[in-house]
Amino acid sequence: MQLILSNYTASISELKKSPTELLKKAGNEAIAILNHNTPSAYLVPSETYEKLMEMLDDYMLYREVKERLDNDSDYIEVSLNEL
């Protein structure tokens, strides 16, 4: 059985019937959309999705910075006035 990563669930039929009502009930939480009692998608409010994308972007930037700092390449010192 597949893990459902949401406190709210709805069938595809319920989603077709009243998507706005589902979003109202869930508030800012994701809704697992079930197909034969198995999650087939997650309906995520736009505010939550935007926060997730920002977190992902920050994480990817962190990984790039860490990789460059760990690399034993020569560093070039630059003052703020030179920028």
PDB file of N, CA and C in Angstrom:
ATOM      1  N   MET A   1       0.840  -1.191   0.000  1.00  0.00           N
ATOM      2  CA  MET A   1       0.000   0.000   0.000  1.00  0.00           C
ATOM      3  C   MET A   1       0.878   1.245   0.000  1.00  0.00           C
ATOM      4  N   GLN A   2       0.521   2.221  -0.796  1.00  0.00           N
ATOM      5  CA  GLN A   2       1.304   3.434  -0.947  1.00  0.00           C
ATOM      6  C   GLN A   2       0.973   4.432   0.156  1.00  0.00           C
ATOM      7  N   LEU A   3       1.988   5.101   0.684  1.00  0.00           N
ATOM      8  CA  LEU A   3       1.833   6.093   1.734  1.00  0.00           C
ATOM      9  C   LEU A   3       1.113   7.330   1.204  1.00  0.00           C
ATOM     10  N   ILE A   4       0.166   7.861   1.968  1.00  0.00           N
ATOM     11  CA  ILE A   4      -0.542   9.085   1.597  1.00  0.00           C
ATOM     12  C   ILE A   4       0.039  10.221   2.424  1.00  0.00           C
ATOM     13  N   LEU A   5       0.633  11.189   1.746  1.00  0.00           N
ATOM     14  CA  LEU A   5       1.330  12.283   2.409  1.00  0.00           C
ATOM     15  C   LEU A   5       0.448  13.518   2.553  1.00  0.00           C
ATOM     16  N   SER A   6      -0.731  13.336   3.101  1.00  0.00           N
ATOM     17  CA  SER A   6      -1.663  14.443   3.259  1.00  0.00           C
ATOM     18  C   SER A   6      -2.697  14.092   4.319  1.00  0.00           C
ATOM     19  N   ASN A   7      -3.198  15.116   4.993  1.00  0.00           N
ATOM     20  CA  ASN A   7      -4.271  14.914   5.969  1.00  0.00           C
ATOM     21  C   ASN A   7      -5.640  14.877   5.291  1.00  0.00           C
ATOM     22  N   TYR A   8      -5.702  15.352   4.055  1.00  0.00           N
ATOM     23  CA  TYR A   8      -6.963  15.423   3.311  1.00  0.00           C
ATOM     24  C   TYR A   8      -6.873  14.559   2.064  1.00  0.00           C
ATOM     25  N   THR A   9      -7.950  13.857   1.776  1.00  0.00           N
ATOM     26  CA  THR A   9      -8.012  13.050   0.559  1.00  0.00           C
ATOM     27  C   THR A   9      -9.335  13.300  -0.153  1.00  0.00           C
ATOM     28  N   ALA A  10      -9.336  13.037  -1.443  1.00  0.00           N
ATOM     29  CA  ALA A  10     -10.559  13.149  -2.249  1.00  0.00           C
ATOM     30  C   ALA A  10     -10.400  12.243  -3.456  1.00  0.00           C
ATOM     31  N   SER A  11     -11.510  11.765  -3.944  1.00  0.00           N
ATOM     32  CA  SER A  11     -11.476  10.948  -5.159  1.00  0.00           C
ATOM     33  C   SER A  11     -11.427  11.869  -6.378  1.00  0.00           C
ATOM     34  N   ILE A  12     -11.110  11.289  -7.512  1.00  0.00           N
ATOM     35  CA  ILE A  12     -11.102  12.067  -8.755  1.00  0.00           C
ATOM     36  C   ILE A  12     -12.514  12.583  -9.047  1.00  0.00           C
ATOM     37  N   SER A  13     -13.515  11.783  -8.727  1.00  0.00           N
ATOM     38  CA  SER A  13     -14.910  12.214  -8.927  1.00  0.00           C
ATOM     39  C   SER A  13     -15.242  13.440  -8.085  1.00  0.00           C
ATOM     40  N   GLU A  14     -14.787  13.438  -6.824  1.00  0.00           N
ATOM     41  CA  GLU A  14     -15.017  14.598  -5.961  1.00  0.00           C
ATOM     42  C   GLU A  14     -14.301  15.835  -6.493  1.00  0.00           C
ATOM     43  N   LEU A  15     -13.110  15.626  -7.017  1.00  0.00           N
ATOM     44  CA  LEU A  15     -12.346  16.735  -7.588  1.00  0.00           C
ATOM     45  C   LEU A  15     -13.074  17.334  -8.778  1.00  0.00           C
ATOM     46  N   LYS A  16     -13.596  16.496  -9.655  1.00  0.00           N
ATOM     47  CA  LYS A  16     -14.341  16.980 -10.823  1.00  0.00           C
ATOM     48  C   LYS A  16     -15.596  17.723 -10.402  1.00  0.00           C
ATOM     49  N   LYS A  17     -16.230  17.212  -9.366  1.00  0.00           N
ATOM     50  CA  LYS A  17     -17.504  17.765  -8.921  1.00  0.00           C
ATOM     51  C   LYS A  17     -17.358  19.169  -8.325  1.00  0.00           C
ATOM     52  N   SER A  18     -16.380  19.363  -7.433  1.00  0.00           N
ATOM     53  CA  SER A  18     -16.262  20.676  -6.772  1.00  0.00           C
ATOM     54  C   SER A  18     -14.831  20.939  -6.286  1.00  0.00           C
ATOM     55  N   PRO A  19     -13.929  21.299  -7.187  1.00  0.00           N
ATOM     56  CA  PRO A  19     -12.539  21.552  -6.785  1.00  0.00           C
ATOM     57  C   PRO A  19     -12.398  22.718  -5.808  1.00  0.00           C
ATOM     58  N   THR A  20     -13.193  23.755  -5.974  1.00  0.00           N
ATOM     59  CA  THR A  20     -13.109  24.913  -5.086  1.00  0.00           C
ATOM     60  C   THR A  20     -13.504  24.538  -3.665  1.00  0.00           C
ATOM     61  N   GLU A  21     -14.521  23.703  -3.540  1.00  0.00           N
ATOM     62  CA  GLU A  21     -14.967  23.266  -2.220  1.00  0.00           C
ATOM     63  C   GLU A  21     -13.882  22.448  -1.517  1.00  0.00           C
ATOM     64  N   LEU A  22     -13.189  21.611  -2.261  1.00  0.00           N
ATOM     65  CA  LEU A  22     -12.097  20.832  -1.682  1.00  0.00           C
ATOM     66  C   LEU A  22     -10.997  21.741  -1.140  1.00  0.00           C
ATOM     67  N   LEU A  23     -10.639  22.754  -1.929  1.00  0.00           N
ATOM     68  CA  LEU A  23      -9.598  23.684  -1.496  1.00  0.00           C
ATOM     69  C   LEU A  23     -10.022  24.452  -0.247  1.00  0.00           C
ATOM     70  N   LYS A  24     -11.298  24.834  -0.166  1.00  0.00           N
ATOM     71  CA  LYS A  24     -11.795  25.539   1.011  1.00  0.00           C
ATOM     72  C   LYS A  24     -11.672  24.671   2.254  1.00  0.00           C
ATOM     73  N   LYS A  25     -12.051  23.391   2.148  1.00  0.00           N
ATOM     74  CA  LYS A  25     -12.007  22.476   3.289  1.00  0.00           C
ATOM     75  C   LYS A  25     -10.577  22.248   3.776  1.00  0.00           C
ATOM     76  N   ALA A  26      -9.649  22.139   2.856  1.00  0.00           N
ATOM     77  CA  ALA A  26      -8.268  21.816   3.214  1.00  0.00           C
ATOM     78  C   ALA A  26      -7.475  23.027   3.679  1.00  0.00           C
ATOM     79  N   GLY A  27      -7.929  24.217   3.353  1.00  0.00           N
ATOM     80  CA  GLY A  27      -7.171  25.414   3.739  1.00  0.00           C
ATOM     81  C   GLY A  27      -5.863  25.486   2.984  1.00  0.00           C
ATOM     82  N   ASN A  28      -4.752  25.572   3.713  1.00  0.00           N
ATOM     83  CA  ASN A  28      -3.429  25.673   3.080  1.00  0.00           C
ATOM     84  C   ASN A  28      -2.725  24.330   2.975  1.00  0.00           C
ATOM     85  N   GLU A  29      -3.452  23.255   3.147  1.00  0.00           N
ATOM     86  CA  GLU A  29      -2.850  21.925   3.096  1.00  0.00           C
ATOM     87  C   GLU A  29      -3.091  21.263   1.738  1.00  0.00           C
ATOM     88  N   ALA A  30      -2.196  20.347   1.408  1.00  0.00           N
ATOM     89  CA  ALA A  30      -2.330  19.588   0.163  1.00  0.00           C
ATOM     90  C   ALA A  30      -3.443  18.553   0.301  1.00  0.00           C
ATOM     91  N   ILE A  31      -4.024  18.201  -0.818  1.00  0.00           N
ATOM     92  CA  ILE A  31      -5.078  17.189  -0.859  1.00  0.00           C
ATOM     93  C   ILE A  31      -4.582  16.047  -1.745  1.00  0.00           C
ATOM     94  N   ALA A  32      -4.606  14.839  -1.206  1.00  0.00           N
ATOM     95  CA  ALA A  32      -4.237  13.668  -1.999  1.00  0.00           C
ATOM     96  C   ALA A  32      -5.440  13.273  -2.849  1.00  0.00           C
ATOM     97  N   ILE A  33      -5.255  13.220  -4.151  1.00  0.00           N
ATOM     98  CA  ILE A  33      -6.315  12.802  -5.064  1.00  0.00           C
ATOM     99  C   ILE A  33      -6.137  11.303  -5.298  1.00  0.00           C
ATOM    100  N   LEU A  34      -7.170  10.547  -4.926  1.00  0.00           N
ATOM    101  CA  LEU A  34      -7.079   9.093  -4.970  1.00  0.00           C
ATOM    102  C   LEU A  34      -7.773   8.517  -6.199  1.00  0.00           C
ATOM    103  N   ASN A  35      -7.157   7.488  -6.750  1.00  0.00           N
ATOM    104  CA  ASN A  35      -7.735   6.710  -7.834  1.00  0.00           C
ATOM    105  C   ASN A  35      -7.677   5.259  -7.371  1.00  0.00           C
ATOM    106  N   HIS A  36      -8.818   4.663  -7.110  1.00  0.00           N
ATOM    107  CA  HIS A  36      -8.899   3.312  -6.552  1.00  0.00           C
ATOM    108  C   HIS A  36      -8.112   3.215  -5.239  1.00  0.00           C
ATOM    109  N   ASN A  37      -8.322   4.215  -4.370  1.00  0.00           N
ATOM    110  CA  ASN A  37      -7.704   4.288  -3.038  1.00  0.00           C
ATOM    111  C   ASN A  37      -6.180   4.369  -3.054  1.00  0.00           C
ATOM    112  N   THR A  38      -5.632   4.789  -4.159  1.00  0.00           N
ATOM    113  CA  THR A  38      -4.193   4.998  -4.288  1.00  0.00           C
ATOM    114  C   THR A  38      -3.954   6.440  -4.733  1.00  0.00           C
ATOM    115  N   PRO A  39      -3.038   7.162  -4.086  1.00  0.00           N
ATOM    116  CA  PRO A  39      -2.792   8.543  -4.504  1.00  0.00           C
ATOM    117  C   PRO A  39      -2.285   8.613  -5.942  1.00  0.00           C
ATOM    118  N   SER A  40      -2.969   9.406  -6.751  1.00  0.00           N
ATOM    119  CA  SER A  40      -2.536   9.571  -8.138  1.00  0.00           C
ATOM    120  C   SER A  40      -2.005  10.984  -8.376  1.00  0.00           C
ATOM    121  N   ALA A  41      -2.340  11.902  -7.463  1.00  0.00           N
ATOM    122  CA  ALA A  41      -1.869  13.285  -7.580  1.00  0.00           C
ATOM    123  C   ALA A  41      -2.087  13.989  -6.248  1.00  0.00           C
ATOM    124  N   TYR A  42      -1.465  15.139  -6.117  1.00  0.00           N
ATOM    125  CA  TYR A  42      -1.690  16.001  -4.962  1.00  0.00           C
ATOM    126  C   TYR A  42      -2.117  17.368  -5.470  1.00  0.00           C
ATOM    127  N   LEU A  43      -3.171  17.869  -4.883  1.00  0.00           N
ATOM    128  CA  LEU A  43      -3.658  19.203  -5.203  1.00  0.00           C
ATOM    129  C   LEU A  43      -3.095  20.136  -4.130  1.00  0.00           C
ATOM    130  N   VAL A  44      -2.235  21.049  -4.557  1.00  0.00           N
ATOM    131  CA  VAL A  44      -1.521  21.908  -3.619  1.00  0.00           C
ATOM    132  C   VAL A  44      -1.936  23.357  -3.850  1.00  0.00           C
ATOM    133  N   PRO A  45      -2.321  24.083  -2.779  1.00  0.00           N
ATOM    134  CA  PRO A  45      -2.664  25.499  -2.943  1.00  0.00           C
ATOM    135  C   PRO A  45      -1.477  26.282  -3.519  1.00  0.00           C
ATOM    136  N   SER A  46      -1.758  27.302  -4.293  1.00  0.00           N
ATOM    137  CA  SER A  46      -0.704  28.052  -4.982  1.00  0.00           C
ATOM    138  C   SER A  46       0.315  28.647  -4.012  1.00  0.00           C
ATOM    139  N   GLU A  47      -0.131  29.143  -2.875  1.00  0.00           N
ATOM    140  CA  GLU A  47       0.790  29.726  -1.886  1.00  0.00           C
ATOM    141  C   GLU A  47       1.783  28.669  -1.377  1.00  0.00           C
ATOM    142  N   THR A  48       1.297  27.493  -1.115  1.00  0.00           N
ATOM    143  CA  THR A  48       2.148  26.393  -0.650  1.00  0.00           C
ATOM    144  C   THR A  48       3.127  25.977  -1.740  1.00  0.00           C
ATOM    145  N   TYR A  49       2.654  25.885  -2.976  1.00  0.00           N
ATOM    146  CA  TYR A  49       3.513  25.514  -4.099  1.00  0.00           C
ATOM    147  C   TYR A  49       4.635  26.538  -4.283  1.00  0.00           C
ATOM    148  N   GLU A  50       4.285  27.831  -4.186  1.00  0.00           N
ATOM    149  CA  GLU A  50       5.282  28.885  -4.345  1.00  0.00           C
ATOM    150  C   GLU A  50       6.350  28.792  -3.259  1.00  0.00           C
ATOM    151  N   LYS A  51       5.943  28.502  -2.031  1.00  0.00           N
ATOM    152  CA  LYS A  51       6.904  28.334  -0.936  1.00  0.00           C
ATOM    153  C   LYS A  51       7.810  27.131  -1.183  1.00  0.00           C
ATOM    154  N   LEU A  52       7.228  26.033  -1.659  1.00  0.00           N
ATOM    155  CA  LEU A  52       8.024  24.843  -1.970  1.00  0.00           C
ATOM    156  C   LEU A  52       9.056  25.131  -3.059  1.00  0.00           C
ATOM    157  N   MET A  53       8.658  25.860  -4.089  1.00  0.00           N
ATOM    158  CA  MET A  53       9.583  26.187  -5.174  1.00  0.00           C
ATOM    159  C   MET A  53      10.703  27.099  -4.675  1.00  0.00           C
ATOM    160  N   GLU A  54      10.382  28.025  -3.784  1.00  0.00           N
ATOM    161  CA  GLU A  54      11.391  28.912  -3.213  1.00  0.00           C
ATOM    162  C   GLU A  54      12.377  28.103  -2.362  1.00  0.00           C
ATOM    163  N   MET A  55      11.861  27.168  -1.574  1.00  0.00           N
ATOM    164  CA  MET A  55      12.725  26.315  -0.761  1.00  0.00           C
ATOM    165  C   MET A  55      13.635  25.460  -1.638  1.00  0.00           C
ATOM    166  N   LEU A  56      13.091  24.916  -2.717  1.00  0.00           N
ATOM    167  CA  LEU A  56      13.878  24.107  -3.634  1.00  0.00           C
ATOM    168  C   LEU A  56      14.971  24.945  -4.294  1.00  0.00           C
ATOM    169  N   ASP A  57      14.631  26.157  -4.693  1.00  0.00           N
ATOM    170  CA  ASP A  57      15.599  27.058  -5.306  1.00  0.00           C
ATOM    171  C   ASP A  57      16.723  27.385  -4.319  1.00  0.00           C
ATOM    172  N   ASP A  58      16.358  27.679  -3.060  1.00  0.00           N
ATOM    173  CA  ASP A  58      17.363  27.960  -2.027  1.00  0.00           C
ATOM    174  C   ASP A  58      18.272  26.757  -1.803  1.00  0.00           C
ATOM    175  N   TYR A  59      17.696  25.567  -1.780  1.00  0.00           N
ATOM    176  CA  TYR A  59      18.480  24.354  -1.578  1.00  0.00           C
ATOM    177  C   TYR A  59      19.455  24.124  -2.731  1.00  0.00           C
ATOM    178  N   MET A  60      18.985  24.306  -3.952  1.00  0.00           N
ATOM    179  CA  MET A  60      19.856  24.112  -5.110  1.00  0.00           C
ATOM    180  C   MET A  60      21.004  25.126  -5.096  1.00  0.00           C
ATOM    181  N   LEU A  61      20.706  26.361  -4.712  1.00  0.00           N
ATOM    182  CA  LEU A  61      21.736  27.385  -4.611  1.00  0.00           C
ATOM    183  C   LEU A  61      22.736  27.019  -3.512  1.00  0.00           C
ATOM    184  N   TYR A  62      22.233  26.530  -2.382  1.00  0.00           N
ATOM    185  CA  TYR A  62      23.102  26.091  -1.290  1.00  0.00           C
ATOM    186  C   TYR A  62      24.061  24.993  -1.769  1.00  0.00           C
ATOM    187  N   ARG A  63      23.536  24.020  -2.511  1.00  0.00           N
ATOM    188  CA  ARG A  63      24.374  22.926  -3.012  1.00  0.00           C
ATOM    189  C   ARG A  63      25.463  23.444  -3.939  1.00  0.00           C
ATOM    190  N   GLU A  64      25.104  24.405  -4.783  1.00  0.00           N
ATOM    191  CA  GLU A  64      26.093  24.966  -5.717  1.00  0.00           C
ATOM    192  C   GLU A  64      27.179  25.720  -4.954  1.00  0.00           C
ATOM    193  N   VAL A  65      26.786  26.516  -3.963  1.00  0.00           N
ATOM    194  CA  VAL A  65      27.759  27.265  -3.163  1.00  0.00           C
ATOM    195  C   VAL A  65      28.665  26.298  -2.407  1.00  0.00           C
ATOM    196  N   LYS A  66      28.080  25.281  -1.788  1.00  0.00           N
ATOM    197  CA  LYS A  66      28.865  24.301  -1.037  1.00  0.00           C
ATOM    198  C   LYS A  66      29.854  23.583  -1.941  1.00  0.00           C
ATOM    199  N   GLU A  67      29.415  23.215  -3.129  1.00  0.00           N
ATOM    200  CA  GLU A  67      30.304  22.543  -4.077  1.00  0.00           C
ATOM    201  C   GLU A  67      31.475  23.442  -4.451  1.00  0.00           C
ATOM    202  N   ARG A  68      31.208  24.703  -4.683  1.00  0.00           N
ATOM    203  CA  ARG A  68      32.282  25.630  -5.059  1.00  0.00           C
ATOM    204  C   ARG A  68      33.232  25.888  -3.893  1.00  0.00           C
ATOM    205  N   LEU A  69      32.700  25.975  -2.669  1.00  0.00           N
ATOM    206  CA  LEU A  69      33.554  26.191  -1.506  1.00  0.00           C
ATOM    207  C   LEU A  69      34.411  24.969  -1.211  1.00  0.00           C
ATOM    208  N   ASP A  70      33.874  23.784  -1.455  1.00  0.00           N
ATOM    209  CA  ASP A  70      34.620  22.551  -1.210  1.00  0.00           C
ATOM    210  C   ASP A  70      35.677  22.289  -2.267  1.00  0.00           C
ATOM    211  N   ASN A  71      35.503  22.903  -3.434  1.00  0.00           N
ATOM    212  CA  ASN A  71      36.451  22.732  -4.526  1.00  0.00           C
ATOM    213  C   ASN A  71      37.745  23.452  -4.166  1.00  0.00           C
ATOM    214  N   ASP A  72      38.867  22.823  -4.418  1.00  0.00           N
ATOM    215  CA  ASP A  72      40.171  23.409  -4.075  1.00  0.00           C
ATOM    216  C   ASP A  72      40.695  24.350  -5.158  1.00  0.00           C
ATOM    217  N   SER A  73      39.826  25.122  -5.743  1.00  0.00           N
ATOM    218  CA  SER A  73      40.275  26.045  -6.789  1.00  0.00           C
ATOM    219  C   SER A  73      40.799  27.328  -6.151  1.00  0.00           C
ATOM    220  N   ASP A  74      41.511  28.097  -6.931  1.00  0.00           N
ATOM    221  CA  ASP A  74      42.053  29.369  -6.445  1.00  0.00           C
ATOM    222  C   ASP A  74      40.932  30.388  -6.331  1.00  0.00           C
ATOM    223  N   TYR A  75      40.933  31.086  -5.217  1.00  0.00           N
ATOM    224  CA  TYR A  75      39.931  32.117  -4.989  1.00  0.00           C
ATOM    225  C   TYR A  75      40.495  33.464  -5.402  1.00  0.00           C
ATOM    226  N   ILE A  76      39.641  34.300  -5.928  1.00  0.00           N
ATOM    227  CA  ILE A  76      40.032  35.655  -6.317  1.00  0.00           C
ATOM    228  C   ILE A  76      39.343  36.599  -5.358  1.00  0.00           C
ATOM    229  N   GLU A  77      40.130  37.379  -4.631  1.00  0.00           N
ATOM    230  CA  GLU A  77      39.567  38.318  -3.679  1.00  0.00           C
ATOM    231  C   GLU A  77      39.165  39.594  -4.407  1.00  0.00           C
ATOM    232  N   VAL A  78      37.942  40.040  -4.177  1.00  0.00           N
ATOM    233  CA  VAL A  78      37.395  41.218  -4.835  1.00  0.00           C
ATOM    234  C   VAL A  78      36.738  42.091  -3.779  1.00  0.00           C
ATOM    235  N   SER A  79      37.012  43.396  -3.857  1.00  0.00           N
ATOM    236  CA  SER A  79      36.355  44.306  -2.910  1.00  0.00           C
ATOM    237  C   SER A  79      35.000  44.731  -3.478  1.00  0.00           C
ATOM    238  N   LEU A  80      34.140  45.227  -2.613  1.00  0.00           N
ATOM    239  CA  LEU A  80      32.835  45.683  -3.063  1.00  0.00           C
ATOM    240  C   LEU A  80      32.951  46.846  -4.055  1.00  0.00           C
ATOM    241  N   ASN A  81      33.955  47.665  -3.908  1.00  0.00           N
ATOM    242  CA  ASN A  81      34.137  48.803  -4.828  1.00  0.00           C
ATOM    243  C   ASN A  81      34.476  48.333  -6.235  1.00  0.00           C
ATOM    244  N   GLU A  82      35.121  47.180  -6.341  1.00  0.00           N
ATOM    245  CA  GLU A  82      35.485  46.650  -7.646  1.00  0.00           C
ATOM    246  C   GLU A  82      34.296  46.062  -8.382  1.00  0.00           C
ATOM    247  N   LEU A  83      33.256  45.742  -7.642  1.00  0.00           N
ATOM    248  CA  LEU A  83      32.079  45.185  -8.281  1.00  0.00           C
ATOM    249  C   LEU A  83      31.310  46.279  -8.947  1.00  0.00           C
TER     250      LEU A  83
END
